[in-house]
Amino acid sequence: MKKTLGLLAMCVALCACVSGPLQTKIDGTTLVLNSERYTIGEGFHLAAIVEIPKSYERTKCYIYKNPELESWIILNEKLPIFKAKYYGSGKNRELKEKRGEYLDRMFYWFEVRKWKPVELYDPEFKMSELSKKPVDIVYYNKLISDRKAVSVFLISVIDQNSPDKKSHISELEQGFRKLSE
């Protein structure tokens, strides 16, 4: 019995050393997801950090804004109460492999849920400014662990005055890129 318990303890210690910690870190304009590092495009500044303190999941958003392109990048960290298996396995794929898009939509996310500002870095930023014009949205999801997920939203306003009614979403996708290790 002692041999079995000793062997079990040794296996647990070895697994903890080999697998390493699961981390999500936002450092300036760099997003770190375990061993992957992504950079936010040039011209973006951190406008605000907002959160939903009590819900079925705790959610914290880092909102980056580029006023020249009328675009935003939202890094959304989710800590659900239940296991977040609906995002799929996060161990063997990169963030950009789980991609989706919505074109020519309105973005009412901050109006629908009760967000609370944690830090406002841009005094002119208002959460409602994202819902005033039609936008193109590209998003990525990644499950970090059973109880931690990250979503990245690239949002760009559609220029209604231009003849082709385009946004800067392709520039945002090129700017949000993985850094070499």
N, C-alpha and C. Protein backbone atom coordinates (compact mmCIF):
# COMPACT_ATOMS: atom_id res chain seq x y z
N MET A 1 0.82 -1.20 0.00
CA MET A 1 0.00 0.00 0.00
C MET A 1 0.86 1.26 0.00
N LYS A 2 1.94 1.25 0.80
CA LYS A 2 2.82 2.42 0.86
C LYS A 2 3.52 2.64 -0.48
N LYS A 3 3.87 1.53 -1.15
CA LYS A 3 4.53 1.65 -2.46
C LYS A 3 3.57 2.30 -3.46
N THR A 4 2.32 1.88 -3.42
CA THR A 4 1.33 2.43 -4.35
C THR A 4 1.11 3.92 -4.11
N LEU A 5 0.97 4.31 -2.85
CA LEU A 5 0.79 5.73 -2.53
C LEU A 5 2.02 6.55 -2.91
N GLY A 6 3.20 5.99 -2.65
CA GLY A 6 4.43 6.69 -3.02
C GLY A 6 4.55 6.86 -4.52
N LEU A 7 4.21 5.80 -5.27
CA LEU A 7 4.25 5.85 -6.73
C LEU A 7 3.23 6.85 -7.27
N LEU A 8 2.04 6.87 -6.67
CA LEU A 8 1.01 7.82 -7.08
C LEU A 8 1.45 9.26 -6.83
N ALA A 9 2.03 9.52 -5.66
CA ALA A 9 2.51 10.87 -5.35
C ALA A 9 3.62 11.29 -6.31
N MET A 10 4.48 10.36 -6.66
CA MET A 10 5.58 10.66 -7.58
C MET A 10 5.02 10.98 -8.98
N CYS A 11 4.00 10.24 -9.42
CA CYS A 11 3.38 10.50 -10.73
C CYS A 11 2.73 11.88 -10.77
N VAL A 12 2.02 12.24 -9.70
CA VAL A 12 1.38 13.55 -9.63
C VAL A 12 2.42 14.66 -9.68
N ALA A 13 3.51 14.51 -8.94
CA ALA A 13 4.57 15.52 -8.93
C ALA A 13 5.22 15.63 -10.31
N LEU A 14 5.45 14.51 -10.97
CA LEU A 14 6.06 14.52 -12.30
C LEU A 14 5.14 15.19 -13.32
N CYS A 15 3.85 14.88 -13.28
CA CYS A 15 2.89 15.52 -14.20
C CYS A 15 2.83 17.02 -13.99
N ALA A 16 2.88 17.46 -12.75
CA ALA A 16 2.84 18.90 -12.45
C ALA A 16 4.07 19.60 -12.99
N CYS A 17 5.21 18.95 -12.93
CA CYS A 17 6.45 19.56 -13.43
C CYS A 17 6.48 19.61 -14.95
N VAL A 18 6.01 18.56 -15.61
CA VAL A 18 6.10 18.47 -17.06
C VAL A 18 5.09 19.38 -17.75
N SER A 19 3.84 19.41 -17.28
CA SER A 19 2.81 20.15 -18.00
C SER A 19 2.97 21.66 -17.91
N GLY A 20 3.53 22.19 -16.85
CA GLY A 20 3.74 23.62 -16.71
C GLY A 20 2.44 24.35 -16.43
N PRO A 21 2.54 25.59 -16.02
CA PRO A 21 1.33 26.34 -15.65
C PRO A 21 0.57 26.81 -16.88
N LEU A 22 -0.74 26.91 -16.75
CA LEU A 22 -1.58 27.48 -17.80
C LEU A 22 -1.74 28.95 -17.48
N GLN A 23 -1.37 29.80 -18.42
CA GLN A 23 -1.39 31.23 -18.10
C GLN A 23 -2.03 32.05 -19.21
N THR A 24 -2.62 33.12 -18.78
CA THR A 24 -3.10 34.17 -19.66
C THR A 24 -2.58 35.46 -19.08
N LYS A 25 -1.88 36.23 -19.90
CA LYS A 25 -1.30 37.47 -19.39
C LYS A 25 -1.41 38.52 -20.49
N ILE A 26 -1.79 39.71 -20.10
CA ILE A 26 -1.84 40.82 -21.03
C ILE A 26 -0.85 41.85 -20.55
N ASP A 27 0.18 42.07 -21.36
CA ASP A 27 1.27 42.96 -20.99
C ASP A 27 1.38 44.05 -22.05
N GLY A 28 0.82 45.22 -21.74
CA GLY A 28 0.83 46.31 -22.73
C GLY A 28 0.01 45.93 -23.94
N THR A 29 0.66 45.78 -25.08
CA THR A 29 -0.04 45.38 -26.30
C THR A 29 0.33 43.95 -26.71
N THR A 30 0.73 43.13 -25.74
CA THR A 30 1.07 41.74 -26.00
C THR A 30 0.15 40.83 -25.20
N LEU A 31 -0.42 39.84 -25.87
CA LEU A 31 -1.27 38.84 -25.23
C LEU A 31 -0.49 37.54 -25.16
N VAL A 32 -0.36 36.96 -23.97
CA VAL A 32 0.36 35.71 -23.78
C VAL A 32 -0.66 34.64 -23.40
N LEU A 33 -0.73 33.57 -24.19
CA LEU A 33 -1.60 32.43 -23.92
C LEU A 33 -0.72 31.19 -23.85
N ASN A 34 -0.40 30.77 -22.64
CA ASN A 34 0.53 29.67 -22.43
C ASN A 34 1.85 30.00 -23.13
N SER A 35 2.22 29.28 -24.18
CA SER A 35 3.49 29.56 -24.86
C SER A 35 3.32 30.45 -26.09
N GLU A 36 2.09 30.79 -26.46
CA GLU A 36 1.84 31.64 -27.62
C GLU A 36 1.85 33.11 -27.21
N ARG A 37 2.42 33.96 -28.07
CA ARG A 37 2.42 35.41 -27.83
C ARG A 37 1.89 36.11 -29.07
N TYR A 38 0.94 37.03 -28.85
CA TYR A 38 0.34 37.80 -29.93
C TYR A 38 0.51 39.28 -29.66
N THR A 39 0.66 40.05 -30.72
CA THR A 39 0.77 41.50 -30.57
C THR A 39 -0.43 42.18 -31.23
N ILE A 40 -0.83 43.26 -30.62
CA ILE A 40 -1.92 44.07 -31.15
C ILE A 40 -1.29 45.05 -32.14
N GLY A 41 -2.00 45.39 -33.18
CA GLY A 41 -1.47 46.25 -34.23
C GLY A 41 -1.05 47.63 -33.75
N GLU A 42 -0.29 48.30 -34.58
CA GLU A 42 0.18 49.65 -34.25
C GLU A 42 -0.97 50.64 -34.25
N GLY A 43 -0.84 51.68 -33.46
CA GLY A 43 -1.85 52.72 -33.40
C GLY A 43 -2.94 52.47 -32.37
N PHE A 44 -2.92 51.31 -31.72
CA PHE A 44 -3.93 51.01 -30.70
C PHE A 44 -3.42 51.40 -29.33
N HIS A 45 -4.33 51.90 -28.50
CA HIS A 45 -4.00 52.20 -27.11
C HIS A 45 -5.08 51.60 -26.22
N LEU A 46 -4.70 51.25 -25.00
CA LEU A 46 -5.65 50.68 -24.05
C LEU A 46 -6.61 51.78 -23.62
N ALA A 47 -7.88 51.62 -23.94
CA ALA A 47 -8.89 52.63 -23.61
C ALA A 47 -9.54 52.34 -22.27
N ALA A 48 -9.80 51.06 -21.98
CA ALA A 48 -10.50 50.73 -20.74
C ALA A 48 -10.36 49.25 -20.41
N ILE A 49 -10.56 48.96 -19.14
CA ILE A 49 -10.72 47.59 -18.67
C ILE A 49 -12.08 47.55 -17.99
N VAL A 50 -12.93 46.63 -18.43
CA VAL A 50 -14.27 46.50 -17.86
C VAL A 50 -14.50 45.04 -17.47
N GLU A 51 -15.46 44.81 -16.58
CA GLU A 51 -15.73 43.43 -16.17
C GLU A 51 -17.20 43.25 -15.81
N ILE A 52 -17.60 41.98 -15.80
CA ILE A 52 -18.89 41.59 -15.24
C ILE A 52 -18.55 40.83 -13.96
N PRO A 53 -18.76 41.45 -12.81
CA PRO A 53 -18.30 40.83 -11.57
C PRO A 53 -19.08 39.59 -11.15
N LYS A 54 -20.40 39.59 -11.31
CA LYS A 54 -21.21 38.45 -10.86
C LYS A 54 -22.12 38.01 -11.99
N SER A 55 -21.94 36.78 -12.41
CA SER A 55 -22.74 36.22 -13.48
C SER A 55 -22.45 34.72 -13.48
N TYR A 56 -22.90 34.02 -14.51
CA TYR A 56 -22.55 32.61 -14.61
C TYR A 56 -21.07 32.44 -14.97
N GLU A 57 -20.44 33.52 -15.40
CA GLU A 57 -19.00 33.53 -15.62
C GLU A 57 -18.46 34.91 -15.27
N ARG A 58 -17.28 34.93 -14.70
CA ARG A 58 -16.62 36.21 -14.47
C ARG A 58 -15.89 36.57 -15.75
N THR A 59 -16.09 37.76 -16.22
CA THR A 59 -15.53 38.18 -17.49
C THR A 59 -14.81 39.51 -17.31
N LYS A 60 -13.61 39.58 -17.88
CA LYS A 60 -12.84 40.82 -17.85
C LYS A 60 -12.41 41.14 -19.28
N CYS A 61 -12.65 42.38 -19.71
CA CYS A 61 -12.32 42.81 -21.07
C CYS A 61 -11.28 43.91 -21.06
N TYR A 62 -10.30 43.77 -21.92
CA TYR A 62 -9.31 44.81 -22.17
C TYR A 62 -9.67 45.39 -23.53
N ILE A 63 -10.02 46.67 -23.57
CA ILE A 63 -10.51 47.30 -24.80
C ILE A 63 -9.42 48.23 -25.34
N TYR A 64 -8.93 47.91 -26.53
CA TYR A 64 -7.93 48.73 -27.21
C TYR A 64 -8.62 49.47 -28.34
N LYS A 65 -8.23 50.72 -28.55
CA LYS A 65 -8.91 51.58 -29.52
C LYS A 65 -7.89 52.20 -30.47
N ASN A 66 -8.28 52.31 -31.74
CA ASN A 66 -7.51 53.04 -32.74
C ASN A 66 -8.45 54.07 -33.36
N PRO A 67 -8.36 55.34 -32.92
CA PRO A 67 -9.31 56.34 -33.42
C PRO A 67 -9.15 56.64 -34.91
N GLU A 68 -7.94 56.51 -35.45
CA GLU A 68 -7.73 56.80 -36.87
C GLU A 68 -8.46 55.80 -37.76
N LEU A 69 -8.44 54.53 -37.39
CA LEU A 69 -9.11 53.49 -38.17
C LEU A 69 -10.55 53.26 -37.72
N GLU A 70 -10.98 53.94 -36.67
CA GLU A 70 -12.28 53.70 -36.05
C GLU A 70 -12.46 52.20 -35.80
N SER A 71 -11.50 51.65 -35.04
CA SER A 71 -11.47 50.22 -34.80
C SER A 71 -11.12 49.93 -33.35
N TRP A 72 -11.53 48.74 -32.91
CA TRP A 72 -11.26 48.30 -31.55
C TRP A 72 -10.79 46.85 -31.57
N ILE A 73 -9.97 46.51 -30.60
CA ILE A 73 -9.60 45.13 -30.33
C ILE A 73 -9.98 44.87 -28.88
N ILE A 74 -10.79 43.86 -28.67
CA ILE A 74 -11.24 43.52 -27.32
C ILE A 74 -10.68 42.16 -26.95
N LEU A 75 -9.90 42.11 -25.87
CA LEU A 75 -9.38 40.86 -25.33
C LEU A 75 -10.29 40.51 -24.16
N ASN A 76 -10.99 39.41 -24.26
CA ASN A 76 -12.01 39.02 -23.29
C ASN A 76 -11.56 37.76 -22.57
N GLU A 77 -11.31 37.88 -21.29
CA GLU A 77 -10.89 36.74 -20.47
C GLU A 77 -12.10 36.24 -19.69
N LYS A 78 -12.42 34.95 -19.85
CA LYS A 78 -13.61 34.39 -19.22
C LYS A 78 -13.20 33.34 -18.20
N LEU A 79 -13.81 33.40 -17.03
CA LEU A 79 -13.60 32.41 -15.98
C LEU A 79 -14.96 31.84 -15.59
N PRO A 80 -15.48 30.88 -16.37
CA PRO A 80 -16.82 30.38 -16.09
C PRO A 80 -16.87 29.54 -14.82
N ILE A 81 -18.05 29.50 -14.23
CA ILE A 81 -18.26 28.70 -13.03
C ILE A 81 -18.25 27.21 -13.40
N PHE A 82 -18.80 26.88 -14.55
CA PHE A 82 -18.85 25.49 -15.00
C PHE A 82 -17.69 25.22 -15.95
N LYS A 83 -17.46 23.97 -16.29
CA LYS A 83 -16.39 23.64 -17.22
C LYS A 83 -16.74 24.17 -18.61
N ALA A 84 -15.79 24.78 -19.25
CA ALA A 84 -16.01 25.47 -20.53
C ALA A 84 -15.63 24.59 -21.71
N LYS A 85 -16.19 23.42 -21.81
CA LYS A 85 -15.83 22.49 -22.87
C LYS A 85 -16.33 22.95 -24.25
N TYR A 86 -17.28 23.87 -24.29
CA TYR A 86 -17.84 24.30 -25.56
C TYR A 86 -16.85 25.05 -26.43
N TYR A 87 -15.68 25.42 -25.90
CA TYR A 87 -14.67 26.08 -26.73
C TYR A 87 -13.73 25.08 -27.38
N GLY A 88 -13.85 23.81 -27.05
CA GLY A 88 -12.98 22.81 -27.64
C GLY A 88 -11.66 22.72 -26.90
N SER A 89 -10.85 21.79 -27.29
CA SER A 89 -9.58 21.57 -26.61
C SER A 89 -8.62 22.70 -26.93
N GLY A 90 -7.96 23.22 -25.92
CA GLY A 90 -7.03 24.31 -26.13
C GLY A 90 -5.59 23.87 -26.15
N LYS A 91 -5.35 22.57 -25.94
CA LYS A 91 -3.97 22.11 -25.77
C LYS A 91 -3.21 22.04 -27.08
N ASN A 92 -3.86 21.66 -28.18
CA ASN A 92 -3.10 21.43 -29.40
C ASN A 92 -3.47 22.35 -30.55
N ARG A 93 -4.02 23.49 -30.26
CA ARG A 93 -4.29 24.41 -31.37
C ARG A 93 -4.00 25.84 -30.95
N GLU A 94 -3.78 26.65 -31.96
CA GLU A 94 -3.49 28.06 -31.71
C GLU A 94 -4.79 28.85 -31.63
N LEU A 95 -4.68 30.05 -31.12
CA LEU A 95 -5.84 30.94 -30.97
C LEU A 95 -6.52 31.19 -32.31
N LYS A 96 -5.75 31.46 -33.34
CA LYS A 96 -6.33 31.87 -34.63
C LYS A 96 -6.96 30.71 -35.41
N GLU A 97 -6.86 29.48 -34.91
CA GLU A 97 -7.49 28.35 -35.59
C GLU A 97 -8.99 28.32 -35.38
N LYS A 98 -9.48 28.93 -34.32
CA LYS A 98 -10.93 28.97 -34.03
C LYS A 98 -11.41 30.39 -34.35
N ARG A 99 -11.75 30.64 -35.63
CA ARG A 99 -12.07 31.98 -36.12
C ARG A 99 -13.52 32.04 -36.57
N GLY A 100 -14.14 33.20 -36.38
CA GLY A 100 -15.48 33.45 -36.88
C GLY A 100 -15.59 34.91 -37.29
N GLU A 101 -16.65 35.23 -38.02
CA GLU A 101 -16.82 36.63 -38.43
C GLU A 101 -18.29 36.98 -38.57
N TYR A 102 -18.58 38.24 -38.33
CA TYR A 102 -19.89 38.84 -38.57
C TYR A 102 -19.63 40.11 -39.36
N LEU A 103 -20.27 40.24 -40.51
CA LEU A 103 -20.06 41.41 -41.34
C LEU A 103 -21.31 42.28 -41.34
N ASP A 104 -21.10 43.59 -41.31
CA ASP A 104 -22.17 44.58 -41.35
C ASP A 104 -23.21 44.34 -40.25
N ARG A 105 -22.74 44.36 -39.02
CA ARG A 105 -23.60 44.14 -37.85
C ARG A 105 -23.50 45.32 -36.90
N MET A 106 -24.41 45.35 -35.94
CA MET A 106 -24.33 46.30 -34.83
C MET A 106 -23.77 45.54 -33.62
N PHE A 107 -22.99 46.20 -32.80
CA PHE A 107 -22.32 45.56 -31.67
C PHE A 107 -22.91 46.11 -30.37
N TYR A 108 -23.91 45.40 -29.84
CA TYR A 108 -24.61 45.85 -28.63
C TYR A 108 -24.15 45.12 -27.38
N TRP A 109 -23.02 44.51 -27.40
CA TRP A 109 -22.55 43.67 -26.31
C TRP A 109 -22.49 44.40 -24.97
N PHE A 110 -22.02 45.63 -24.98
CA PHE A 110 -21.88 46.37 -23.73
C PHE A 110 -23.20 46.94 -23.23
N GLU A 111 -24.22 46.99 -24.07
CA GLU A 111 -25.53 47.45 -23.63
C GLU A 111 -26.36 46.30 -23.05
N VAL A 112 -26.18 45.11 -23.57
CA VAL A 112 -26.99 43.96 -23.19
C VAL A 112 -26.61 43.43 -21.80
N ARG A 113 -25.32 43.42 -21.49
CA ARG A 113 -24.86 42.87 -20.22
C ARG A 113 -24.40 44.01 -19.30
N LYS A 114 -24.40 43.76 -18.01
CA LYS A 114 -24.06 44.80 -17.03
C LYS A 114 -22.55 44.82 -16.79
N TRP A 115 -21.87 45.68 -17.52
CA TRP A 115 -20.43 45.84 -17.41
C TRP A 115 -20.12 46.94 -16.40
N LYS A 116 -19.02 46.73 -15.70
CA LYS A 116 -18.57 47.72 -14.72
C LYS A 116 -17.15 48.14 -15.09
N PRO A 117 -16.90 49.44 -15.29
CA PRO A 117 -15.53 49.87 -15.59
C PRO A 117 -14.60 49.62 -14.40
N VAL A 118 -13.45 49.03 -14.69
CA VAL A 118 -12.42 48.82 -13.68
C VAL A 118 -11.39 49.94 -13.77
N GLU A 119 -10.93 50.21 -14.99
CA GLU A 119 -9.97 51.29 -15.26
C GLU A 119 -10.37 51.97 -16.56
N LEU A 120 -10.41 53.28 -16.57
CA LEU A 120 -10.62 54.05 -17.80
C LEU A 120 -9.33 54.81 -18.10
N TYR A 121 -8.65 54.41 -19.17
CA TYR A 121 -7.39 55.04 -19.56
C TYR A 121 -7.61 56.17 -20.55
N ASP A 122 -8.68 56.08 -21.32
CA ASP A 122 -9.02 57.10 -22.31
C ASP A 122 -10.25 57.84 -21.79
N PRO A 123 -10.10 59.11 -21.36
CA PRO A 123 -11.23 59.82 -20.77
C PRO A 123 -12.40 60.02 -21.74
N GLU A 124 -12.15 59.96 -23.03
CA GLU A 124 -13.21 60.16 -24.02
C GLU A 124 -13.92 58.85 -24.38
N PHE A 125 -13.44 57.72 -23.88
CA PHE A 125 -14.03 56.43 -24.26
C PHE A 125 -15.35 56.20 -23.53
N LYS A 126 -16.35 55.77 -24.31
CA LYS A 126 -17.64 55.36 -23.76
C LYS A 126 -17.97 54.00 -24.37
N MET A 127 -18.43 53.09 -23.53
CA MET A 127 -18.74 51.75 -24.03
C MET A 127 -19.84 51.78 -25.09
N SER A 128 -20.72 52.76 -25.03
CA SER A 128 -21.82 52.83 -26.00
C SER A 128 -21.37 53.25 -27.39
N GLU A 129 -20.14 53.78 -27.54
CA GLU A 129 -19.70 54.22 -28.87
C GLU A 129 -19.53 53.05 -29.83
N LEU A 130 -19.37 51.85 -29.31
CA LEU A 130 -19.25 50.68 -30.18
C LEU A 130 -20.57 50.30 -30.84
N SER A 131 -21.69 50.74 -30.29
CA SER A 131 -22.99 50.32 -30.81
C SER A 131 -23.66 51.38 -31.69
N LYS A 132 -22.96 52.43 -32.04
CA LYS A 132 -23.61 53.52 -32.78
C LYS A 132 -23.56 53.36 -34.30
N LYS A 133 -22.63 52.55 -34.81
CA LYS A 133 -22.47 52.41 -36.26
C LYS A 133 -22.33 50.94 -36.62
N PRO A 134 -22.68 50.56 -37.86
CA PRO A 134 -22.47 49.17 -38.27
C PRO A 134 -20.97 48.85 -38.35
N VAL A 135 -20.63 47.62 -37.96
CA VAL A 135 -19.23 47.21 -37.90
C VAL A 135 -19.04 45.84 -38.53
N ASP A 136 -17.79 45.54 -38.86
CA ASP A 136 -17.37 44.19 -39.22
C ASP A 136 -16.64 43.63 -38.01
N ILE A 137 -16.88 42.36 -37.70
CA ILE A 137 -16.29 41.73 -36.52
C ILE A 137 -15.63 40.42 -36.94
N VAL A 138 -14.40 40.23 -36.50
CA VAL A 138 -13.71 38.95 -36.60
C VAL A 138 -13.35 38.56 -35.18
N TYR A 139 -13.58 37.29 -34.83
CA TYR A 139 -13.28 36.87 -33.46
C TYR A 139 -12.56 35.53 -33.45
N TYR A 140 -11.80 35.33 -32.39
CA TYR A 140 -11.06 34.09 -32.15
C TYR A 140 -11.35 33.63 -30.73
N ASN A 141 -11.44 32.31 -30.51
CA ASN A 141 -11.65 31.75 -29.18
C ASN A 141 -10.60 30.70 -28.89
N LYS A 142 -10.21 30.62 -27.63
CA LYS A 142 -9.30 29.56 -27.21
C LYS A 142 -9.61 29.19 -25.78
N LEU A 143 -9.67 27.88 -25.53
CA LEU A 143 -9.83 27.36 -24.19
C LEU A 143 -8.44 27.17 -23.60
N ILE A 144 -8.16 27.84 -22.48
CA ILE A 144 -6.85 27.73 -21.83
C ILE A 144 -6.84 26.53 -20.90
N SER A 145 -7.90 26.36 -20.13
CA SER A 145 -8.07 25.21 -19.25
C SER A 145 -9.57 24.93 -19.18
N ASP A 146 -9.97 23.96 -18.36
CA ASP A 146 -11.40 23.65 -18.25
C ASP A 146 -12.20 24.82 -17.71
N ARG A 147 -11.55 25.74 -17.03
CA ARG A 147 -12.27 26.85 -16.40
C ARG A 147 -11.74 28.22 -16.82
N LYS A 148 -11.06 28.28 -17.94
CA LYS A 148 -10.54 29.57 -18.39
C LYS A 148 -10.54 29.60 -19.92
N ALA A 149 -11.11 30.66 -20.49
CA ALA A 149 -11.16 30.81 -21.94
C ALA A 149 -10.86 32.26 -22.30
N VAL A 150 -10.37 32.45 -23.52
CA VAL A 150 -10.06 33.79 -24.01
C VAL A 150 -10.72 33.96 -25.38
N SER A 151 -11.32 35.12 -25.57
CA SER A 151 -11.85 35.50 -26.88
C SER A 151 -11.22 36.83 -27.27
N VAL A 152 -10.93 36.96 -28.55
CA VAL A 152 -10.39 38.21 -29.08
C VAL A 152 -11.35 38.67 -30.17
N PHE A 153 -11.81 39.91 -30.05
CA PHE A 153 -12.72 40.50 -31.03
C PHE A 153 -12.00 41.64 -31.74
N LEU A 154 -11.95 41.58 -33.06
CA LEU A 154 -11.44 42.67 -33.89
C LEU A 154 -12.67 43.35 -34.49
N ILE A 155 -12.85 44.62 -34.19
CA ILE A 155 -14.07 45.34 -34.58
C ILE A 155 -13.69 46.59 -35.35
N SER A 156 -14.28 46.78 -36.53
CA SER A 156 -13.98 47.95 -37.34
C SER A 156 -15.26 48.54 -37.91
N VAL A 157 -15.40 49.85 -37.79
CA VAL A 157 -16.59 50.55 -38.30
C VAL A 157 -16.57 50.55 -39.82
N ILE A 158 -17.74 50.33 -40.40
CA ILE A 158 -17.89 50.37 -41.86
C ILE A 158 -18.05 51.83 -42.27
N ASP A 159 -17.24 52.24 -43.24
CA ASP A 159 -17.31 53.62 -43.75
C ASP A 159 -18.51 53.74 -44.69
N GLN A 160 -19.58 54.33 -44.21
CA GLN A 160 -20.82 54.45 -44.99
C GLN A 160 -20.69 55.45 -46.14
N ASN A 161 -19.70 56.34 -46.07
CA ASN A 161 -19.53 57.36 -47.11
C ASN A 161 -18.70 56.88 -48.29
N SER A 162 -17.97 55.81 -48.13
CA SER A 162 -17.16 55.31 -49.24
C SER A 162 -18.05 54.54 -50.22
N PRO A 163 -17.67 54.50 -51.49
CA PRO A 163 -18.53 53.83 -52.48
C PRO A 163 -18.64 52.32 -52.25
N ASP A 164 -17.59 51.69 -51.73
CA ASP A 164 -17.65 50.24 -51.53
C ASP A 164 -18.04 49.84 -50.10
N LYS A 165 -18.25 50.81 -49.22
CA LYS A 165 -18.68 50.58 -47.82
C LYS A 165 -17.83 49.51 -47.14
N LYS A 166 -16.54 49.80 -47.04
CA LYS A 166 -15.60 48.85 -46.43
C LYS A 166 -15.17 49.32 -45.06
N SER A 167 -14.70 48.36 -44.28
CA SER A 167 -14.10 48.66 -42.98
C SER A 167 -12.60 48.37 -43.08
N HIS A 168 -11.92 48.48 -41.96
CA HIS A 168 -10.48 48.19 -41.91
C HIS A 168 -10.22 46.84 -41.26
N ILE A 169 -11.15 45.90 -41.39
CA ILE A 169 -11.03 44.63 -40.69
C ILE A 169 -9.84 43.81 -41.18
N SER A 170 -9.52 43.87 -42.47
CA SER A 170 -8.36 43.11 -42.97
C SER A 170 -7.06 43.66 -42.40
N GLU A 171 -6.97 44.98 -42.23
CA GLU A 171 -5.78 45.58 -41.61
C GLU A 171 -5.66 45.15 -40.15
N LEU A 172 -6.78 45.05 -39.46
CA LEU A 172 -6.75 44.60 -38.07
C LEU A 172 -6.27 43.16 -37.97
N GLU A 173 -6.75 42.30 -38.87
CA GLU A 173 -6.32 40.90 -38.85
C GLU A 173 -4.83 40.77 -39.12
N GLN A 174 -4.30 41.59 -40.01
CA GLN A 174 -2.86 41.55 -40.28
C GLN A 174 -2.07 42.10 -39.11
N GLY A 175 -2.61 43.11 -38.43
CA GLY A 175 -1.91 43.72 -37.29
C GLY A 175 -1.91 42.84 -36.06
N PHE A 176 -3.00 42.09 -35.82
CA PHE A 176 -3.06 41.17 -34.69
C PHE A 176 -2.39 39.88 -35.13
N ARG A 177 -1.14 39.71 -34.74
CA ARG A 177 -0.37 38.58 -35.26
C ARG A 177 0.40 37.88 -34.15
N LYS A 178 0.73 36.64 -34.45
CA LYS A 178 1.50 35.83 -33.51
C LYS A 178 2.97 36.22 -33.61
N LEU A 179 3.61 36.38 -32.45
CA LEU A 179 5.03 36.69 -32.41
C LEU A 179 5.83 35.40 -32.46
N SER A 180 6.98 35.44 -33.10
CA SER A 180 7.83 34.25 -33.14
C SER A 180 8.40 33.99 -31.75
N GLU A 181 8.61 32.72 -31.47
CA GLU A 181 9.07 32.34 -30.13
C GLU A 181 10.56 32.49 -29.97
